[in-house]
Amino acid sequence: MAGDWCTMPLDLLGAISMKLETIEDFIYFSLVCRWWNHAASSIKTEWRAIPTPWLLLAENNKENPNSLRKIFNLMNNKCYKLTLPETFETRCSGSVYGWVAMIDRHLNVKLFNPVSKAHIPFPSFENISDVMSYDPECFDSRDEYSTWCLQGFVTKIIVLRASQSCHHEFVIVAICVSACVAVARPGDPSWTLILTDKADYEMVDVVAMDDHVFALFRDGRLVYWNAEEFFNMEFMKQIDYSPRQPHILGKELNYAFNKEYLVQSGSELIMVIRYKEEVGDEKGEHYDLDIVYRTYFFEVFKLNPTNKLWEEIEELCGLTLLVGCNSSMCVSSGKYLQESCIYFTDDENEFWHKPKEFGGHDMGVFNIKTGEIDEFYEGDDTRSLISPPTWFIPQL
């Protein structure tokens, strides 16, 4: 009987594998034997999995000779261990495209697929600007400088898929301190700085939608670029799309701790505001050095396409959001994820060095309807100095 299974017609095996819904099942199918692996490989480019978020957990540098890194799957609440030495000592940022953007301590940059182990090199982050140049008088060592670059200089790394009219499929946008926003494509000799106007509020997130690339500022203002020009870097001029709306930030806003995110949902734009608080006494003088800060609330807004103003919403019909150290994501809730909820991870990189065992503790799932926050992962492997857990959607 085993021989019969291993000699099934290739087209029949291909038809069966196309019915598989999860990337785990597809991988298990391909591991049955060489013939089944051949069948899976023949349809791999056509097969599509249910978009299921995986959480790349923090690296474990202690007693881990095989460089195993744990990945948590929200669909079945299971952890996988993959040998991923490439991800150690790197700043990681996931995406919906299966790629994780990585910057290592030598400031080399690449996109890496944790499942297939494929990678795409990008230009180095070395000397991206005068602000980032190594100055021996400011740092005790080159390692200290690298830690600052990965932890303090880079605030967010975003992976965008270019339009079909562009020569490069993916670009990386790096939002950094000192109003530095840089873009790079594979094969570029260096990063290109985006020149924005001198606003009082910094850029916080970027998404690509239809023929535009939108950027969100901390005061709710949106700007955009023509997508083809942006990805080809032919004419990097931003255009105002929606006005400043500081009134929507109605709660007591601690700019040291709050975060804003821009999320694409089909043809709609969603803004998420994350509120955090310091963990201390009433006067804020004594802190629990193992926590320091925590998320306590979210607000969600949808852009009205008619008046281009943000309008608060209290539910996401059939949708789930994921924010943190990654490109901001919106996925179908399906039967596995909590609907109208926001899964979040710790992205307070400026304060990662404050907690006793570094940052990564501020994780949970927020219910937009009830305002409650629950845990979704109870493991103790979330802490890291430069790369706490990050979301990505696995792809072959």
Protein backbone atom coordinates (compact mmCIF):
# COMPACT_ATOMS: atom_id res chain seq x y z
CA MET A 1 0.00 0.00 0.00
CA ALA A 2 2.85 2.36 0.79
CA GLY A 3 4.25 1.83 -2.66
CA ASP A 4 0.88 2.65 -4.21
CA TRP A 5 0.71 5.95 -2.33
CA CYS A 6 4.20 6.89 -3.43
CA THR A 7 3.44 6.23 -7.10
CA MET A 8 0.19 8.16 -7.38
CA PRO A 9 -0.09 10.19 -10.62
CA LEU A 10 1.64 13.54 -10.41
CA ASP A 11 -1.42 15.51 -11.52
CA LEU A 12 -3.56 13.84 -8.85
CA LEU A 13 -1.04 14.62 -6.12
CA GLY A 14 -0.88 18.19 -7.39
CA ALA A 15 -4.68 18.49 -7.21
CA ILE A 16 -4.65 17.14 -3.64
CA SER A 17 -1.91 19.52 -2.51
CA MET A 18 -3.83 22.46 -3.95
CA LYS A 19 -6.61 21.66 -1.45
CA LEU A 20 -4.30 22.10 1.53
CA GLU A 21 -5.08 25.24 3.54
CA THR A 22 -2.08 25.79 5.78
CA ILE A 23 1.61 26.11 5.10
CA GLU A 24 2.31 23.46 7.73
CA ASP A 25 0.17 20.89 5.89
CA PHE A 26 1.86 21.80 2.60
CA ILE A 27 5.31 21.29 4.15
CA TYR A 28 4.30 17.98 5.73
CA PHE A 29 2.86 16.87 2.37
CA SER A 30 6.15 17.66 0.62
CA LEU A 31 8.12 15.66 3.19
CA VAL A 32 6.29 12.35 2.65
CA CYS A 33 8.68 11.23 -0.08
CA ARG A 34 10.60 12.55 -3.08
CA TRP A 35 7.65 11.98 -5.42
CA TRP A 36 5.26 13.92 -3.23
CA ASN A 37 7.88 16.65 -2.83
CA HIS A 38 8.13 16.81 -6.63
CA ALA A 39 4.34 17.14 -6.87
CA ALA A 40 4.28 19.93 -4.28
CA SER A 41 7.14 21.76 -6.02
CA SER A 42 5.34 21.63 -9.36
CA ILE A 43 2.36 23.63 -8.03
CA LYS A 44 4.10 25.69 -5.33
CA THR A 45 3.91 28.95 -7.28
CA GLU A 46 0.12 28.54 -7.71
CA TRP A 47 -0.71 27.36 -4.19
CA ARG A 48 -1.96 29.88 -1.65
CA ALA A 49 -2.28 29.34 2.08
CA ILE A 50 -4.77 30.91 4.46
CA PRO A 51 -2.95 34.05 5.69
CA THR A 52 -2.06 32.98 9.23
CA PRO A 53 0.21 35.15 11.38
CA TRP A 54 3.33 33.62 12.83
CA LEU A 55 5.29 35.29 15.60
CA LEU A 56 9.08 35.13 15.31
CA LEU A 57 10.05 35.06 18.97
CA ALA A 58 13.17 36.61 20.45
CA GLU A 59 16.49 34.86 19.89
CA ASN A 60 17.91 32.58 22.54
CA ASN A 61 21.68 32.97 22.86
CA LYS A 62 22.07 30.70 25.88
CA GLU A 63 22.82 26.98 25.48
CA ASN A 64 21.55 27.01 21.92
CA PRO A 65 24.37 25.58 19.74
CA ASN A 66 22.04 24.89 16.80
CA SER A 67 20.76 28.49 16.64
CA LEU A 68 17.18 27.34 17.05
CA ARG A 69 14.59 30.10 17.07
CA LYS A 70 11.01 29.56 18.15
CA ILE A 71 8.04 30.61 16.04
CA PHE A 72 4.55 30.81 17.54
CA ASN A 73 1.55 30.01 15.31
CA LEU A 74 -1.66 31.81 16.26
CA MET A 75 -3.76 29.31 14.31
CA ASN A 76 -3.03 26.35 16.58
CA ASN A 77 -1.20 27.99 19.49
CA LYS A 78 1.86 25.84 18.81
CA CYS A 79 5.55 26.71 18.69
CA TYR A 80 7.95 25.50 16.03
CA LYS A 81 11.72 25.45 16.32
CA LEU A 82 13.65 26.39 13.20
CA THR A 83 17.39 26.63 12.73
CA LEU A 84 17.76 30.32 11.90
CA PRO A 85 21.32 31.50 12.63
CA GLU A 86 20.78 34.31 10.09
CA THR A 87 18.32 36.00 12.44
CA PHE A 88 20.61 36.15 15.48
CA GLU A 89 22.04 39.52 16.50
CA THR A 90 19.82 41.26 13.94
CA ARG A 91 16.96 43.76 14.06
CA CYS A 92 13.99 41.88 12.51
CA SER A 93 10.75 43.26 11.08
CA GLY A 94 8.12 40.97 9.55
CA SER A 95 5.68 41.51 6.69
CA VAL A 96 2.60 40.00 5.06
CA TYR A 97 4.73 38.79 2.12
CA GLY A 98 6.62 36.07 3.99
CA TRP A 99 9.75 38.21 4.20
CA VAL A 100 11.45 39.45 7.34
CA ALA A 101 13.57 42.59 6.89
CA MET A 102 16.82 42.25 8.82
CA ILE A 103 19.67 44.58 9.76
CA ASP A 104 22.67 42.90 11.38
CA ARG A 105 25.37 44.35 13.62
CA HIS A 106 27.53 45.08 10.58
CA LEU A 107 24.57 47.10 9.25
CA ASN A 108 24.04 44.71 6.34
CA VAL A 109 20.41 44.62 5.22
CA LYS A 110 18.39 41.86 3.56
CA LEU A 111 14.97 40.32 3.22
CA PHE A 112 14.87 36.79 4.61
CA ASN A 113 12.21 34.07 4.34
CA PRO A 114 12.33 31.96 7.55
CA VAL A 115 10.48 29.09 5.83
CA SER A 116 12.33 28.76 2.52
CA LYS A 117 15.59 30.36 3.77
CA ALA A 118 15.63 32.51 0.62
CA HIS A 119 17.14 35.97 0.94
CA ILE A 120 17.38 39.21 -1.05
CA PRO A 121 20.33 41.54 -0.31
CA PHE A 122 19.83 45.29 0.05
CA PRO A 123 22.37 48.12 0.34
CA SER A 124 24.17 48.49 3.64
CA PHE A 125 22.86 50.85 6.28
CA GLU A 126 26.39 52.08 6.92
CA ASN A 127 26.59 55.87 6.79
CA ILE A 128 22.98 56.28 5.70
CA SER A 129 23.26 59.85 6.93
CA ASP A 130 25.62 62.08 8.85
CA VAL A 131 23.53 61.36 11.93
CA MET A 132 24.43 57.68 11.75
CA SER A 133 28.14 57.96 11.00
CA TYR A 134 30.38 56.24 13.51
CA ASP A 135 32.12 58.67 15.85
CA PRO A 136 34.62 57.09 18.29
CA GLU A 137 34.18 60.06 20.61
CA CYS A 138 30.46 59.29 21.06
CA PHE A 139 30.69 55.51 21.54
CA ASP A 140 32.98 53.36 23.67
CA SER A 141 33.09 50.62 21.05
CA ARG A 142 31.90 49.66 17.59
CA ASP A 143 29.50 47.17 19.20
CA GLU A 144 27.91 49.93 21.27
CA TYR A 145 27.49 51.96 18.08
CA SER A 146 25.84 49.00 16.31
CA THR A 147 23.43 48.51 19.22
CA TRP A 148 22.45 52.17 19.05
CA CYS A 149 21.87 51.94 15.29
CA LEU A 150 19.64 48.88 15.63
CA GLN A 151 17.85 49.95 18.79
CA GLY A 152 17.79 53.74 18.85
CA PHE A 153 18.35 55.05 15.33
CA VAL A 154 15.90 52.84 13.43
CA THR A 155 12.35 53.23 14.76
CA LYS A 156 10.48 51.16 12.16
CA ILE A 157 11.26 48.97 9.14
CA ILE A 158 8.49 48.48 6.55
CA VAL A 159 8.38 46.09 3.60
CA LEU A 160 6.31 47.25 0.60
CA ARG A 161 5.44 45.34 -2.54
CA ALA A 162 6.06 47.44 -5.63
CA SER A 163 3.52 47.86 -8.42
CA GLN A 164 3.79 45.60 -11.45
CA SER A 165 5.15 48.42 -13.57
CA CYS A 166 8.30 48.61 -11.45
CA HIS A 167 11.46 46.62 -11.99
CA HIS A 168 11.84 45.60 -8.33
CA GLU A 169 9.16 43.58 -6.54
CA PHE A 170 9.94 44.76 -3.00
CA VAL A 171 11.32 47.88 -1.35
CA ILE A 172 12.21 48.59 2.27
CA VAL A 173 11.29 51.83 4.01
CA ALA A 174 13.25 52.68 7.15
CA ILE A 175 11.86 55.32 9.50
CA CYS A 176 14.64 56.68 11.70
CA VAL A 177 15.26 59.43 14.21
CA SER A 178 16.01 63.04 13.27
CA ALA A 179 13.29 63.06 10.57
CA CYS A 180 15.30 60.57 8.53
CA VAL A 181 13.21 58.35 6.25
CA ALA A 182 15.07 56.19 3.75
CA VAL A 183 14.05 53.84 0.93
CA ALA A 184 16.05 51.12 -0.83
CA ARG A 185 15.57 48.47 -3.51
CA PRO A 186 17.61 45.34 -4.21
CA GLY A 187 20.66 46.27 -6.24
CA ASP A 188 20.69 49.93 -5.23
CA PRO A 189 24.16 51.22 -4.36
CA SER A 190 22.82 53.14 -1.37
CA TRP A 191 19.66 54.26 0.43
CA THR A 192 17.63 57.19 -0.86
CA LEU A 193 16.49 59.75 1.71
CA ILE A 194 12.91 60.98 1.42
CA LEU A 195 12.74 64.73 1.90
CA THR A 196 9.60 65.66 3.83
CA ASP A 197 8.59 69.14 4.84
CA LYS A 198 9.68 70.36 8.26
CA ALA A 199 6.62 69.31 10.23
CA ASP A 200 6.14 69.40 13.99
CA TYR A 201 5.17 65.74 13.91
CA GLU A 202 7.22 62.80 12.70
CA MET A 203 6.30 60.17 10.12
CA VAL A 204 5.23 56.93 11.82
CA ASP A 205 4.04 54.45 9.18
CA VAL A 206 3.83 53.79 5.44
CA VAL A 207 1.60 51.57 3.26
CA ALA A 208 1.22 50.98 -0.49
CA MET A 209 -2.34 50.90 -1.83
CA ASP A 210 -3.49 50.96 -5.46
CA ASP A 211 -1.47 53.63 -7.28
CA HIS A 212 -0.29 55.45 -4.17
CA VAL A 213 2.14 55.12 -1.29
CA PHE A 214 0.65 56.70 1.83
CA ALA A 215 2.55 57.94 4.89
CA LEU A 216 1.03 58.74 8.28
CA PHE A 217 2.31 61.45 10.62
CA ARG A 218 1.78 61.58 14.38
CA ASP A 219 -0.90 64.27 14.11
CA GLY A 220 -3.10 62.15 11.83
CA ARG A 221 -1.98 63.84 8.61
CA LEU A 222 -1.60 61.73 5.48
CA VAL A 223 0.66 62.40 2.53
CA TYR A 224 1.16 60.29 -0.57
CA TRP A 225 3.44 59.68 -3.52
CA ASN A 226 2.66 58.28 -6.94
CA ALA A 227 3.47 54.58 -6.50
CA GLU A 228 5.31 54.08 -9.78
CA GLU A 229 7.46 57.15 -9.21
CA PHE A 230 8.06 56.19 -5.57
CA PHE A 231 9.19 52.64 -6.31
CA ASN A 232 11.33 53.73 -9.24
CA MET A 233 12.58 56.73 -7.23
CA GLU A 234 12.13 59.01 -10.18
CA PHE A 235 10.30 61.89 -8.51
CA MET A 236 10.09 61.69 -4.73
CA LYS A 237 7.69 64.58 -4.13
CA GLN A 238 5.05 64.10 -1.47
CA ILE A 239 1.52 65.43 -1.82
CA ASP A 240 -0.80 66.28 1.09
CA TYR A 241 -3.83 63.98 1.19
CA SER A 242 -5.61 64.65 4.50
CA PRO A 243 -5.20 67.52 6.97
CA ARG A 244 -3.69 67.49 10.41
CA GLN A 245 -6.20 66.23 12.96
CA PRO A 246 -4.64 66.58 16.42
CA HIS A 247 -8.12 66.59 17.97
CA ILE A 248 -8.48 62.85 17.38
CA LEU A 249 -5.68 62.27 19.88
CA GLY A 250 -8.12 63.11 22.62
CA LYS A 251 -6.74 61.04 25.46
CA GLU A 252 -3.85 62.14 27.62
CA LEU A 253 -1.10 61.41 25.15
CA ASN A 254 2.37 60.52 26.33
CA TYR A 255 4.50 61.00 23.22
CA ALA A 256 7.29 59.03 24.83
CA PHE A 257 5.11 55.92 24.85
CA ASN A 258 2.17 56.12 22.46
CA LYS A 259 2.35 54.71 18.93
CA GLU A 260 0.34 55.22 15.75
CA TYR A 261 -0.01 52.75 12.89
CA LEU A 262 -1.35 52.94 9.34
CA VAL A 263 -3.01 49.77 8.06
CA GLN A 264 -4.40 48.88 4.65
CA SER A 265 -7.67 46.95 4.58
CA GLY A 266 -8.65 46.28 0.97
CA SER A 267 -9.26 49.74 -0.50
CA GLU A 268 -9.57 51.39 2.93
CA LEU A 269 -7.06 53.00 5.25
CA ILE A 270 -7.16 52.41 9.01
CA MET A 271 -5.28 54.31 11.69
CA VAL A 272 -4.58 52.68 15.04
CA ILE A 273 -3.52 54.66 18.11
CA ARG A 274 -1.88 52.70 20.91
CA TYR A 275 -1.83 54.20 24.40
CA LYS A 276 0.80 53.22 26.96
CA GLU A 277 1.58 54.19 30.49
CA GLU A 278 4.60 54.16 32.74
CA VAL A 279 4.54 51.57 35.48
CA GLY A 280 5.48 53.27 38.74
CA ASP A 281 4.00 54.88 41.79
CA GLU A 282 1.47 57.72 41.64
CA LYS A 283 4.23 60.30 41.27
CA GLY A 284 6.00 58.21 38.65
CA GLU A 285 9.22 58.20 40.66
CA HIS A 286 9.77 54.50 41.35
CA TYR A 287 9.53 52.01 38.53
CA ASP A 288 9.30 48.27 38.28
CA LEU A 289 12.52 47.85 36.28
CA ASP A 290 11.26 44.57 34.88
CA ILE A 291 8.28 46.28 33.19
CA VAL A 292 8.62 50.11 33.01
CA TYR A 293 5.72 50.54 30.54
CA ARG A 294 2.62 48.74 29.30
CA THR A 295 -0.17 49.16 26.76
CA TYR A 296 -3.55 49.90 28.27
CA PHE A 297 -5.82 51.00 25.38
CA PHE A 298 -6.26 51.36 21.60
CA GLU A 299 -8.40 53.56 19.38
CA VAL A 300 -9.16 52.68 15.76
CA PHE A 301 -10.12 55.11 12.98
CA LYS A 302 -11.13 54.64 9.36
CA LEU A 303 -10.46 57.30 6.74
CA ASN A 304 -13.61 58.76 5.20
CA PRO A 305 -12.79 58.95 1.46
CA THR A 306 -15.26 61.81 0.92
CA ASN A 307 -14.01 64.39 3.42
CA LYS A 308 -10.64 62.67 4.05
CA LEU A 309 -11.12 62.82 7.81
CA TRP A 310 -10.50 60.05 10.34
CA GLU A 311 -13.67 58.61 11.91
CA GLU A 312 -13.52 56.37 14.97
CA ILE A 313 -14.88 52.82 14.60
CA GLU A 314 -15.72 50.29 17.28
CA GLU A 315 -15.54 47.04 15.36
CA LEU A 316 -13.76 45.41 12.44
CA CYS A 317 -16.21 43.09 10.73
CA GLY A 318 -14.39 39.82 10.10
CA LEU A 319 -10.96 41.42 10.43
CA THR A 320 -8.01 41.32 12.82
CA LEU A 321 -5.10 43.77 13.09
CA LEU A 322 -1.49 43.01 13.99
CA VAL A 323 0.90 45.77 15.06
CA GLY A 324 4.35 45.93 16.60
CA CYS A 325 7.87 45.34 15.26
CA ASN A 326 6.62 44.69 11.75
CA SER A 327 4.80 46.17 8.80
CA SER A 328 1.29 46.89 10.12
CA MET A 329 -1.11 44.13 9.04
CA CYS A 330 -4.81 43.48 8.53
CA VAL A 331 -5.94 39.87 8.02
CA SER A 332 -9.20 37.96 7.86
CA SER A 333 -10.17 36.66 11.30
CA GLY A 334 -11.54 33.40 9.92
CA LYS A 335 -12.15 30.71 12.50
CA TYR A 336 -8.77 30.98 14.20
CA LEU A 337 -8.25 34.64 15.16
CA GLN A 338 -10.30 36.86 17.42
CA GLU A 339 -12.48 39.22 15.37
CA SER A 340 -12.32 42.99 15.97
CA CYS A 341 -9.14 42.54 17.94
CA ILE A 342 -5.61 43.92 17.77
CA TYR A 343 -2.70 41.57 18.44
CA PHE A 344 0.27 43.67 19.52
CA THR A 345 3.93 43.18 20.37
CA ASP A 346 6.49 45.40 22.03
CA ASP A 347 7.90 48.03 19.65
CA GLU A 348 9.04 50.64 22.17
CA ASN A 349 12.61 50.37 20.87
CA GLU A 350 13.81 53.55 22.54
CA PHE A 351 13.18 51.91 25.94
CA TRP A 352 14.15 48.29 25.22
CA HIS A 353 17.27 48.69 27.37
CA LYS A 354 15.25 49.89 30.39
CA PRO A 355 13.56 46.69 31.63
CA LYS A 356 15.77 44.40 33.67
CA GLU A 357 15.97 41.80 30.90
CA PHE A 358 15.48 44.17 27.94
CA GLY A 359 12.29 44.90 26.00
CA GLY A 360 9.67 42.53 24.64
CA HIS A 361 7.29 42.17 27.56
CA ASP A 362 4.50 44.45 26.24
CA MET A 363 2.42 41.91 24.29
CA GLY A 364 -1.26 41.02 24.21
CA VAL A 365 -4.55 41.07 22.33
CA PHE A 366 -6.92 44.04 22.64
CA ASN A 367 -10.66 43.62 22.05
CA ILE A 368 -11.97 46.77 20.33
CA LYS A 369 -15.57 46.12 21.43
CA THR A 370 -14.90 45.49 25.12
CA GLY A 371 -11.66 47.38 25.67
CA GLU A 372 -10.14 44.36 27.42
CA ILE A 373 -6.58 43.13 27.00
CA ASP A 374 -5.66 39.44 27.31
CA GLU A 375 -2.52 37.40 26.81
CA PHE A 376 -2.09 35.25 23.72
CA TYR A 377 1.39 33.90 24.46
CA GLU A 378 2.68 32.97 27.90
CA GLY A 379 6.25 31.94 27.09
CA ASP A 380 9.27 33.59 28.66
CA ASP A 381 11.24 33.99 25.42
CA THR A 382 10.11 37.46 24.33
CA ARG A 383 12.90 39.67 25.67
CA SER A 384 15.63 41.12 23.46
CA LEU A 385 17.87 44.18 23.34
CA ILE A 386 17.51 44.73 19.59
CA SER A 387 14.80 42.39 18.26
CA PRO A 388 11.75 41.40 20.35
CA PRO A 389 9.02 39.26 18.68
CA THR A 390 7.77 40.30 15.24
CA TRP A 391 4.77 39.23 13.14
CA PHE A 392 5.04 37.81 9.64
CA ILE A 393 2.72 35.88 7.32
CA PRO A 394 4.63 32.74 6.22
CA GLN A 395 4.96 31.98 2.52
CA LEU A 396 6.96 29.41 0.61
